Protein backbone atom coordinates (compact mmCIF):
# COMPACT_ATOMS: atom_id res chain seq x y z
CA MET A 1 2.46 -7.15 -9.68
CA LYS A 2 -0.34 -8.66 -7.64
CA ALA A 3 -4.02 -8.51 -8.52
CA ARG A 4 -4.71 -6.18 -5.57
CA ASP A 5 -2.05 -3.76 -6.91
CA VAL A 6 -3.72 -3.76 -10.32
CA ALA A 7 -7.16 -3.27 -8.72
CA LEU A 8 -5.86 -0.41 -6.56
CA ILE A 9 -4.15 1.35 -9.46
CA ALA A 10 -7.17 0.87 -11.73
CA THR A 11 -9.51 2.25 -9.07
CA GLN A 12 -7.31 5.26 -8.42
CA THR A 13 -6.92 5.91 -12.14
CA ALA A 14 -10.70 5.77 -12.58
CA LEU A 15 -11.10 8.19 -9.67
CA LEU A 16 -8.63 10.62 -11.23
CA ILE A 17 -10.43 10.43 -14.57
CA ALA A 18 -13.77 11.03 -12.83
CA VAL A 19 -12.61 14.06 -10.85
CA GLN A 20 -10.94 15.56 -13.90
CA PHE A 21 -14.02 15.06 -16.05
CA ALA A 22 -16.35 16.42 -13.38
CA LEU A 23 -14.53 19.77 -13.33
CA SER A 24 -13.14 19.84 -16.87
CA PHE A 25 -15.54 22.56 -17.95
CA VAL A 26 -13.99 25.15 -15.63
CA ALA A 27 -10.46 26.36 -16.51
CA GLY A 28 -7.97 26.07 -13.65
CA ILE A 29 -10.26 24.09 -11.36
CA GLU A 30 -9.36 20.45 -10.75
CA LEU A 31 -8.98 17.79 -8.06
CA VAL A 32 -6.37 15.56 -9.70
CA THR A 33 -3.61 17.36 -7.80
CA LEU A 34 -5.29 16.63 -4.47
CA PHE A 35 -6.22 13.00 -5.13
CA LEU A 36 -2.91 12.03 -6.72
CA ALA A 37 -1.03 13.76 -3.88
CA ALA A 38 -2.81 11.72 -1.20
CA PHE A 39 -2.41 8.51 -3.20
CA CYS A 40 1.33 8.97 -3.80
CA PHE A 41 1.90 10.18 -0.25
CA ALA A 42 0.38 6.97 1.10
CA PHE A 43 1.27 4.36 -1.54
CA GLY A 44 4.64 5.56 -2.79
CA TYR A 45 6.25 6.34 -6.09
CA LYS A 46 5.94 2.96 -7.86
CA LYS A 47 2.17 2.79 -7.66
CA GLY A 48 2.04 6.56 -8.12
CA ILE A 49 3.99 6.52 -11.38
CA ILE A 50 1.95 3.66 -12.83
CA THR A 51 -1.25 5.44 -11.83
CA ALA A 52 0.01 8.73 -13.29
CA ILE A 53 0.88 7.12 -16.61
CA ALA A 54 -2.41 5.21 -16.78
CA PHE A 55 -4.31 8.41 -15.98
CA SER A 56 -2.32 10.42 -18.53
CA LEU A 57 -3.03 7.96 -21.31
CA LEU A 58 -6.65 7.21 -20.44
CA ARG A 59 -7.58 10.88 -20.18
CA CYS A 60 -6.70 11.12 -23.87
CA LEU A 61 -9.59 8.77 -24.62
CA LEU A 62 -11.92 11.24 -22.97
CA PHE A 63 -10.39 14.56 -24.06
CA GLY A 64 -8.56 13.63 -27.27
CA PHE A 65 -5.02 12.76 -28.30
CA PHE A 66 -3.24 16.11 -28.52
CA PRO A 67 0.55 15.69 -28.76
CA THR A 68 1.27 18.64 -26.47
CA VAL A 69 -1.01 17.29 -23.74
CA ILE A 70 0.29 13.73 -24.05
CA VAL A 71 3.89 14.90 -23.65
CA LEU A 72 3.01 17.34 -20.84
CA TYR A 73 1.08 14.77 -18.83
CA LEU A 74 3.56 11.94 -19.39
CA VAL A 75 6.40 14.16 -18.17
CA TYR A 76 4.65 16.07 -15.38
CA TYR A 77 2.49 13.53 -13.56
CA PRO A 78 5.14 10.80 -13.10
CA LEU A 79 7.54 13.44 -11.73
CA TYR A 80 4.75 14.79 -9.54
CA SER A 81 4.21 11.26 -8.21
CA VAL A 82 7.86 10.89 -7.25
CA VAL A 83 7.93 14.23 -5.44
CA LEU A 84 4.75 13.54 -3.45
CA ALA A 85 5.87 10.00 -2.62
CA PHE A 86 9.13 11.47 -1.32
CA LEU A 87 7.17 13.90 0.86
CA GLY A 88 5.21 10.94 2.20
CA LYS A 89 8.43 9.42 3.55
CA LEU A 90 9.54 12.49 5.49
CA PRO A 91 9.03 12.68 9.25
CA TYR A 92 6.72 15.50 10.31
CA LYS A 93 6.45 16.91 13.82
CA ASN A 94 2.73 17.52 13.37
CA ASP A 95 -0.08 17.58 10.85
CA ALA A 96 0.12 21.36 10.42
CA LEU A 97 3.72 21.08 9.20
CA LYS A 98 2.81 18.16 6.93
CA LEU A 99 -0.08 20.14 5.45
CA ALA A 100 2.04 23.27 4.97
CA CYS A 101 4.77 21.29 3.17
CA VAL A 102 2.37 19.42 0.91
CA THR A 103 0.38 22.54 0.06
CA ALA A 104 3.54 24.54 -0.71
CA VAL A 105 4.98 21.79 -2.90
CA CYS A 106 1.66 21.34 -4.74
CA LEU A 107 1.59 25.08 -5.42
CA VAL A 108 5.16 25.09 -6.74
CA LEU A 109 4.41 22.05 -8.91
CA THR A 110 1.30 23.77 -10.25
CA VAL A 111 3.47 26.65 -11.44
CA CYS A 112 5.87 24.09 -12.94
CA PHE A 113 2.95 22.46 -14.79
CA THR A 114 1.99 25.74 -16.44
CA MET A 115 5.57 26.69 -17.25
CA LEU A 116 6.23 23.23 -18.70
CA ASP A 117 3.12 23.61 -20.84
CA ASN A 118 4.35 27.06 -21.90
CA LEU A 119 7.56 25.40 -23.08
CA ILE A 120 6.23 22.17 -24.60
CA ALA A 121 3.20 23.49 -26.50
CA PRO A 122 5.04 26.23 -28.44
CA LEU A 123 7.86 23.85 -29.33
CA ILE A 124 5.57 21.08 -30.56
CA MET A 125 3.24 23.51 -32.33
CA GLY A 126 6.12 25.48 -33.89
CA MET A 127 4.96 28.83 -32.54
CA LYS A 128 6.83 31.97 -33.41
CA GLU A 129 7.88 34.35 -30.64
CA LYS A 130 4.79 36.56 -30.87
CA ALA A 131 2.43 33.57 -30.67
CA TRP A 132 4.45 32.10 -27.80
CA ARG A 133 4.14 35.37 -25.84
CA ALA A 134 0.37 35.40 -26.40
CA TYR A 135 0.15 31.73 -25.32
CA PHE A 136 2.19 32.49 -22.21
CA ALA A 137 0.10 35.56 -21.33
CA ALA A 138 -3.13 33.62 -21.79
CA SER A 139 -1.89 30.91 -19.40
CA LEU A 140 -1.37 33.30 -16.48
CA PRO A 141 -5.03 33.89 -15.49
CA VAL A 142 -5.70 30.15 -15.71
CA MET A 143 -2.63 29.47 -13.58
CA ALA A 144 -3.82 32.02 -11.03
CA ALA A 145 -7.19 30.27 -10.78
CA HIS A 146 -5.40 26.94 -10.59
CA LEU A 147 -3.19 28.16 -7.73
CA VAL A 148 -6.21 29.37 -5.75
CA ASN A 149 -7.89 26.02 -6.42
CA VAL A 150 -4.84 24.01 -5.29
CA ALA A 151 -4.34 26.14 -2.18
CA ALA A 152 -7.98 25.68 -1.18
CA THR A 153 -8.46 22.02 -2.05
CA VAL A 154 -5.12 20.76 -0.77
CA GLY A 155 -5.20 23.09 2.24
CA ILE A 156 -8.67 21.96 3.30
CA LEU A 157 -9.02 18.41 2.03
CA PHE A 158 -5.55 16.84 1.98
CA LEU A 159 -5.40 15.61 5.57
CA PRO A 160 -8.91 14.08 5.62
CA LEU A 161 -8.32 12.49 2.20
CA LEU A 162 -4.91 11.22 3.31
CA LYS A 163 -6.54 9.58 6.35
CA ILE A 164 -9.03 7.81 4.08
CA THR A 165 -6.23 6.80 1.72
CA VAL A 166 -4.08 5.43 4.53
CA ASN A 167 -7.07 3.43 5.81
CA LEU A 168 -7.49 2.08 2.28
CA LYS A 169 -3.81 1.17 2.24
CA GLU A 170 -4.18 -0.73 5.50
CA ASP A 171 -7.19 -2.57 4.05
CA PHE A 172 -5.40 -3.47 0.81
CA PHE A 173 -2.03 -4.16 2.43
CA PRO A 174 -2.51 -5.22 6.06
CA GLY A 175 0.44 -4.52 8.32
CA THR A 176 1.74 -1.55 6.34
CA ARG A 177 0.86 1.27 8.71
CA SER A 178 2.09 4.69 7.63
């Protein structure tokens, strides 16, 4: 891996940590989905997975090392990176179709994140059925807020952020137009 790859991944990881911390006090509101989507869309799955893992581990320094969160993030975000990188390789007839596809996939993956959490946390914490049902029920309002957040942020900001990210890619890796 070249020094510019390390610098790029470190910068993106720092950006993800910053946007998560900035909004961490509001349940269901975040920008990691948006920023990681644009990054993986432009830079591909290899840099996306490394960034996702670095982000997942470094966020523990800020928010604490909770086994359920570590497992959730280390499973979800690398898979998320692969899916968004794959979307970045598809041919789109226009930006509206690209935006619709990315927004829809981000919404589906947001539901997957919550459902994965609803599976992992009870298993790791050894919850009984009644506690699991309460945990699941409590996750639904947060997921609803998260879905509204993802629809709005990705729907409004993805294309402008992708343009900036692609310009960054061309600066870091000349001759690699998307």
